[in-house]
């Protein structure tokens, strides 16, 4: 019974991070309520896990959120990314955190390289003519790249790392 509840919570977190990734690509924005939902979904774990594991999860999430907040205030990280990463950091175990951070960093690097390549190529101009619906609103990732901005929807990297390590 407890295992089923934990599985259901994990599935809900999966859905939340996939939604966050989609919104980050589509709008270059992650809504606060997604990060809040990820935190709220962790609340039942407070009674399902042993106290030492609860403390480890809370400390990990708190430390990662503090680092992300500092990066946000330094202008190096988006606010939605910082909140989502702090919320998601509650979920991996201490043993999973290094893999989580490594997968997130590698995925973010791949997205950054992709952004640079797309921005410098003529592919975006051709794609915009053939399928303008892909570009969505003016604040979306592809629209931003087509204007010459180098932006990375880091919510995608956070979602990939979450799905790979937590599941």
Foldseek 3Di string as FASTA:
>chain_A
DVVVLVVVLLVLLLVLLVVQLVCCQQQVDGDLVSLVSLQVSCVVVCVVDPPVQQVQLLVQLVVQLVVLVVCVVVVNHDPNLSSNLSSLSSQFTPVLVVQLVVQLVVVQVVQLVVLVVLLPDCVLVVCCVVPVVSNHDCNHSSNCSVVVDRDGSSSVSNSVSSVVRRD
